[in-house]
Amino acid sequence: MSEQNPELPVHAGAVDTHCHLFLCDLEPQLLLEEARGAGVSTAICAGIDPETSRRSLELAESFRGVFATAGMHPHTASEMDRAAGNTIEELLENPHVVAVGETGLDFFRMLSPRPDQEASLRLHIRMALEADLPLVVHVRDAWPEILRLLHEGSAERVVIHCFSGDAEIARECVMRGYHLSFAGNVTYPKNTHLREAAALVPLDRLLVETDSPYLAPQRIRGRDNAPANVVDVIEELARVRTESVDALREATIANAMRAFPRLR
C-alpha cells in the first residue's frame, strides 16, 4: 500500500473504512503490505484527538491508499477546547482528510462527562457541515441521545462507525440516509442482533471496517486486529445476506466512494 508497493491500484480492492494504524504494534508499512496481499487497497485511519488526527494525516501523505479523518473521540471530549477545534478545522482543509471524526457519544465508559461529549458532538456536526464532509460517529449505550443530537444538528452524510445497534435502530439510521459500517464483532457468535441488522440494511448503505487494532474477527479473536482482516467482515456479511463475496466487496467499495467523496 506504500508508494514502493503499487501493485494493486487504489480502490481496486476492499476498503477498510475505519482503523487506527497509530495504535497498532506493527509498523504501518507491514500492516499495509499485509492488507495488499489480502486484497485490501484502501484504509481510512481515524484520528481520535488532534495529535492522532495529525499522525493519521502524516500516514495518509506517506502511504498510497491511506486516508485520514480528524476529530476528537468522546472519551476525550473534555479536551475539546478552542485550540483543539482550530487544529481539527485546519486539518480538514487537507484533501487526504476524508471525514470529520471520530466523534460521538460513549455512555458505557463515560470517560468524559455527558455534557462535554454532547458539546463536542455538536461542534463536530457543525464542522462537518461547514467543511462539506461526512461525519464519522461512535455510539455506545447512547442511541436515543445520538439520534436526537444528529437530528437537532441537521447532520448530513453520517457514517455510523462500528454499528452496534439492533434491527430497529438500523432501520431508523437507514431512513435518515446514514451509512452503517460493520466491524469484526459481527462475526462473534453471541452478536445475533448485529447479523439481524446487517441482513436488512440496503446494500448501498453498507460499509465495512476493522477498527484495528480492536475487534479482531472471531477467527483470530483475542489478537490484535489489522486492515487485512476486513475480508472476514465482508465474508460474514455476504453469508448473512446470502450474497456473493464478490458482490458484497464491490458494493462496499462503491459505497465507500460515495460516503467519502474525497476517496475518489
Protein backbone atom coordinates (compact mmCIF):
# COMPACT_ATOMS: atom_id res chain seq x y z
CA MET A 1 0.00 0.00 0.00
CA SER A 2 3.02 2.28 0.11
CA GLU A 3 4.38 4.15 -2.86
CA GLN A 4 7.02 1.43 -3.10
CA ASN A 5 4.38 -1.31 -3.45
CA PRO A 6 1.88 -0.12 -6.08
CA GLU A 7 0.78 -3.48 -7.48
CA LEU A 8 -2.91 -3.13 -6.55
CA PRO A 9 -4.45 0.16 -7.71
CA VAL A 10 -6.12 2.29 -5.05
CA HIS A 11 -9.80 1.30 -4.71
CA ALA A 12 -9.30 -1.85 -6.81
CA GLY A 13 -9.56 -3.84 -3.58
CA ALA A 14 -11.62 -3.73 -0.41
CA VAL A 15 -11.86 -0.57 1.69
CA ASP A 16 -11.31 -0.63 5.45
CA THR A 17 -13.30 2.48 6.34
CA HIS A 18 -12.08 2.76 9.94
CA CYS A 19 -8.81 1.76 11.56
CA HIS A 20 -6.23 3.25 13.94
CA LEU A 21 -2.85 2.45 12.43
CA PHE A 22 -1.13 4.66 15.00
CA LEU A 23 -2.32 2.33 17.80
CA CYS A 24 -1.13 -0.90 16.17
CA ASP A 25 2.03 -2.62 17.38
CA LEU A 26 3.24 -3.49 13.89
CA GLU A 27 4.74 -0.83 11.65
CA PRO A 28 2.26 0.71 9.20
CA GLN A 29 4.39 -0.47 6.27
CA LEU A 30 3.98 -4.11 7.34
CA LEU A 31 0.26 -3.77 8.07
CA LEU A 32 -0.37 -2.19 4.70
CA GLU A 33 1.66 -4.75 2.78
CA GLU A 34 -0.34 -7.48 4.55
CA ALA A 35 -3.54 -5.69 3.57
CA ARG A 36 -2.49 -5.56 -0.08
CA GLY A 37 -1.80 -9.26 -0.01
CA ALA A 38 -5.33 -9.86 1.27
CA GLY A 39 -6.87 -7.70 -1.46
CA VAL A 40 -7.44 -4.59 0.66
CA SER A 41 -6.31 -1.49 -1.21
CA THR A 42 -7.62 1.36 0.93
CA ALA A 43 -7.64 2.17 4.64
CA ILE A 44 -9.09 5.18 6.41
CA CYS A 45 -7.07 5.96 9.53
CA ALA A 46 -9.36 7.64 12.06
CA GLY A 47 -7.99 10.30 14.37
CA ILE A 48 -9.20 10.36 17.97
CA ASP A 49 -7.72 13.70 19.05
CA PRO A 50 -5.72 16.48 17.39
CA GLU A 51 -2.38 14.69 17.83
CA THR A 52 -3.54 11.38 16.35
CA SER A 53 -5.50 13.20 13.65
CA ARG A 54 -2.25 14.85 12.62
CA ARG A 55 -0.49 11.49 12.79
CA SER A 56 -3.21 9.95 10.61
CA LEU A 57 -2.67 12.67 8.04
CA GLU A 58 1.09 12.02 8.08
CA LEU A 59 0.39 8.36 7.34
CA ALA A 60 -2.02 9.31 4.56
CA GLU A 61 0.61 11.52 2.99
CA SER A 62 3.25 8.79 3.30
CA PHE A 63 1.38 5.69 2.08
CA ARG A 64 -0.60 5.17 -1.07
CA GLY A 65 -4.17 4.11 -0.37
CA VAL A 66 -4.25 5.54 3.16
CA PHE A 67 -6.60 8.39 4.05
CA ALA A 68 -7.32 10.17 7.33
CA THR A 69 -10.09 11.61 9.47
CA ALA A 70 -9.75 14.41 12.02
CA GLY A 71 -11.71 14.71 15.24
CA MET A 72 -11.99 14.18 18.98
CA HIS A 73 -13.21 10.85 20.40
CA PRO A 74 -15.96 11.08 23.04
CA HIS A 75 -13.58 9.58 25.60
CA THR A 76 -11.51 12.77 25.44
CA ALA A 77 -14.33 15.19 24.69
CA SER A 78 -13.44 17.21 27.80
CA GLU A 79 -10.27 18.28 25.99
CA MET A 80 -12.23 19.80 23.11
CA ASP A 81 -11.22 23.43 23.62
CA ARG A 82 -10.81 26.24 21.10
CA ALA A 83 -7.24 25.23 20.24
CA ALA A 84 -8.25 21.61 19.59
CA GLY A 85 -11.13 22.72 17.41
CA ASN A 86 -8.90 25.06 15.43
CA THR A 87 -6.38 22.27 14.83
CA ILE A 88 -9.07 19.90 13.60
CA GLU A 89 -10.55 22.53 11.29
CA GLU A 90 -7.11 23.22 9.84
CA LEU A 91 -6.55 19.51 9.19
CA LEU A 92 -9.90 19.24 7.41
CA GLU A 93 -8.58 21.50 4.67
CA ASN A 94 -6.13 18.81 3.54
CA PRO A 95 -7.56 16.64 0.71
CA HIS A 96 -6.16 13.50 2.36
CA VAL A 97 -8.59 14.06 5.26
CA VAL A 98 -11.85 12.50 4.12
CA ALA A 99 -14.15 12.96 7.13
CA VAL A 100 -14.77 14.67 10.46
CA GLY A 101 -14.42 12.40 13.47
CA GLU A 102 -14.26 10.09 15.19
CA THR A 103 -16.79 11.88 17.35
CA GLY A 104 -19.96 10.70 19.10
CA LEU A 105 -21.25 9.59 22.48
CA ASP A 106 -20.00 6.82 24.77
CA PHE A 107 -22.11 6.44 27.91
CA PHE A 108 -20.68 2.98 28.64
CA ARG A 109 -17.27 4.11 29.88
CA MET A 110 -18.23 7.77 30.44
CA LEU A 111 -14.59 8.89 30.40
CA SER A 112 -15.78 12.44 29.69
CA PRO A 113 -18.90 13.92 31.30
CA ARG A 114 -22.05 13.69 29.24
CA PRO A 115 -22.38 17.47 28.73
CA ASP A 116 -18.82 17.62 27.36
CA GLN A 117 -19.50 14.73 24.97
CA GLU A 118 -22.67 16.36 23.70
CA ALA A 119 -20.99 19.74 23.25
CA SER A 120 -18.12 18.14 21.33
CA LEU A 121 -20.53 16.24 19.08
CA ARG A 122 -22.45 19.42 18.29
CA LEU A 123 -19.21 21.14 17.34
CA HIS A 124 -18.19 18.23 15.10
CA ILE A 125 -21.59 18.31 13.38
CA ARG A 126 -21.08 22.00 12.65
CA MET A 127 -17.55 21.42 11.36
CA ALA A 128 -18.73 18.64 9.06
CA LEU A 129 -21.47 20.81 7.61
CA GLU A 130 -19.14 23.77 7.09
CA ALA A 131 -16.43 21.61 5.50
CA ASP A 132 -18.97 19.63 3.46
CA LEU A 133 -17.50 16.37 4.75
CA PRO A 134 -19.04 13.20 6.18
CA LEU A 135 -19.29 12.76 9.94
CA VAL A 136 -17.89 9.56 11.50
CA VAL A 137 -19.89 8.72 14.62
CA HIS A 138 -19.07 6.45 17.58
CA VAL A 139 -22.06 5.28 19.63
CA ARG A 140 -22.09 3.16 22.77
CA ASP A 141 -25.07 2.93 25.13
CA ALA A 142 -26.35 6.25 23.77
CA TRP A 143 -28.61 5.56 20.81
CA PRO A 144 -31.58 7.79 21.77
CA GLU A 145 -29.26 10.67 22.56
CA ILE A 146 -27.10 10.34 19.44
CA LEU A 147 -30.11 10.16 17.14
CA ARG A 148 -31.63 13.21 18.81
CA LEU A 149 -28.45 15.30 18.57
CA LEU A 150 -27.80 14.33 14.95
CA HIS A 151 -31.36 15.37 14.10
CA GLU A 152 -31.15 18.62 16.06
CA GLY A 153 -27.88 19.50 14.35
CA SER A 154 -29.24 18.67 10.88
CA ALA A 155 -26.28 16.34 10.40
CA GLU A 156 -25.84 15.13 6.84
CA ARG A 157 -23.72 12.34 5.32
CA VAL A 158 -23.39 10.43 8.58
CA VAL A 159 -21.34 7.24 8.88
CA ILE A 160 -22.15 5.15 11.94
CA HIS A 161 -18.79 3.57 12.76
CA CYS A 162 -18.78 0.02 14.18
CA PHE A 163 -22.56 -0.25 14.17
CA SER A 164 -23.72 -1.83 17.43
CA GLY A 165 -27.47 -1.40 17.32
CA ASP A 166 -30.31 -3.77 16.61
CA ALA A 167 -32.60 -4.07 13.60
CA GLU A 168 -34.92 -1.29 14.77
CA ILE A 169 -32.06 1.18 15.15
CA ALA A 170 -30.65 0.10 11.79
CA ARG A 171 -34.00 0.88 10.14
CA GLU A 172 -34.03 4.35 11.72
CA CYS A 173 -30.50 5.07 10.54
CA VAL A 174 -31.28 3.88 7.02
CA MET A 175 -34.44 6.01 6.93
CA ARG A 176 -32.25 9.02 7.72
CA GLY A 177 -29.86 8.17 4.91
CA TYR A 178 -26.92 7.19 7.09
CA HIS A 179 -24.26 4.67 6.11
CA LEU A 180 -23.74 1.80 8.56
CA SER A 181 -20.25 0.37 8.97
CA PHE A 182 -19.86 -3.15 10.35
CA ALA A 183 -16.71 -4.45 12.06
CA GLY A 184 -15.27 -7.75 13.25
CA ASN A 185 -17.75 -8.06 16.10
CA VAL A 186 -20.41 -9.02 13.55
CA THR A 187 -18.60 -12.39 13.44
CA TYR A 188 -18.93 -13.06 17.19
CA PRO A 189 -21.38 -15.91 17.89
CA LYS A 190 -23.36 -14.00 20.54
CA ASN A 191 -23.99 -10.95 18.35
CA THR A 192 -27.08 -12.19 16.59
CA HIS A 193 -28.60 -8.71 16.79
CA LEU A 194 -25.79 -7.34 14.62
CA ARG A 195 -26.29 -10.01 11.99
CA GLU A 196 -30.05 -9.38 12.00
CA ALA A 197 -29.39 -5.68 11.49
CA ALA A 198 -26.83 -6.32 8.75
CA ALA A 199 -29.28 -8.53 6.90
CA LEU A 200 -31.83 -5.75 6.46
CA VAL A 201 -29.58 -2.79 5.63
CA PRO A 202 -29.89 -1.89 1.93
CA LEU A 203 -26.80 -2.96 0.05
CA ASP A 204 -25.99 0.62 -0.95
CA ARG A 205 -25.77 1.69 2.72
CA LEU A 206 -23.28 -0.95 3.91
CA LEU A 207 -19.67 -0.21 4.81
CA VAL A 208 -17.00 -2.45 6.33
CA GLU A 209 -14.17 -1.71 8.74
CA THR A 210 -11.77 -3.32 11.18
CA ASP A 211 -11.39 -0.68 13.93
CA SER A 212 -7.84 -2.04 14.15
CA PRO A 213 -6.18 -2.87 16.47
CA TYR A 214 -9.51 -3.62 18.18
CA LEU A 215 -12.36 -6.05 17.43
CA ALA A 216 -10.43 -8.81 15.70
CA PRO A 217 -12.83 -11.20 13.93
CA GLN A 218 -13.78 -14.49 15.55
CA ARG A 219 -11.13 -16.36 13.55
CA ILE A 220 -8.34 -14.57 15.45
CA ARG A 221 -10.27 -13.18 18.41
CA GLY A 222 -8.01 -12.13 21.25
CA ARG A 223 -5.23 -10.97 18.95
CA ASP A 224 -4.58 -7.53 17.51
CA ASN A 225 -6.69 -6.70 14.50
CA ALA A 226 -5.33 -5.37 11.19
CA PRO A 227 -6.79 -3.87 7.99
CA ALA A 228 -6.27 -7.16 6.12
CA ASN A 229 -8.99 -8.70 8.28
CA VAL A 230 -11.74 -6.56 6.81
CA VAL A 231 -12.06 -9.51 4.44
CA ASP A 232 -13.54 -11.52 7.35
CA VAL A 233 -16.24 -8.88 7.78
CA ILE A 234 -17.06 -8.94 4.08
CA GLU A 235 -17.33 -12.72 4.10
CA GLU A 236 -19.60 -12.74 7.15
CA LEU A 237 -21.90 -10.09 5.73
CA ALA A 238 -22.10 -11.99 2.46
CA ARG A 239 -23.03 -15.15 4.36
CA VAL A 240 -25.68 -13.40 6.48
CA ARG A 241 -27.20 -11.67 3.48
CA THR A 242 -26.90 -14.70 1.15
CA GLU A 243 -24.95 -12.66 -1.37
CA SER A 244 -21.70 -13.47 -3.10
CA VAL A 245 -18.47 -12.28 -1.51
CA ASP A 246 -17.50 -10.58 -4.76
CA ALA A 247 -20.79 -8.69 -4.95
CA LEU A 248 -20.56 -7.62 -1.31
CA ARG A 249 -16.98 -6.46 -1.71
CA GLU A 250 -17.71 -4.48 -4.88
CA ALA A 251 -20.76 -2.86 -3.29
CA THR A 252 -18.86 -1.77 -0.19
CA ILE A 253 -16.09 -0.29 -2.35
CA ALA A 254 -18.65 1.74 -4.31
CA ASN A 255 -20.40 2.74 -1.08
CA ALA A 256 -17.13 3.96 0.43
CA MET A 257 -16.50 6.14 -2.62
CA ARG A 258 -19.97 7.62 -2.21
CA ALA A 259 -19.80 8.03 1.58
CA PHE A 260 -16.32 9.59 1.47
CA PRO A 261 -16.13 11.63 -1.76
CA ARG A 262 -12.50 12.63 -1.19
CA LEU A 263 -11.51 8.99 -1.71
CA ARG A 264 -12.19 9.40 -5.43
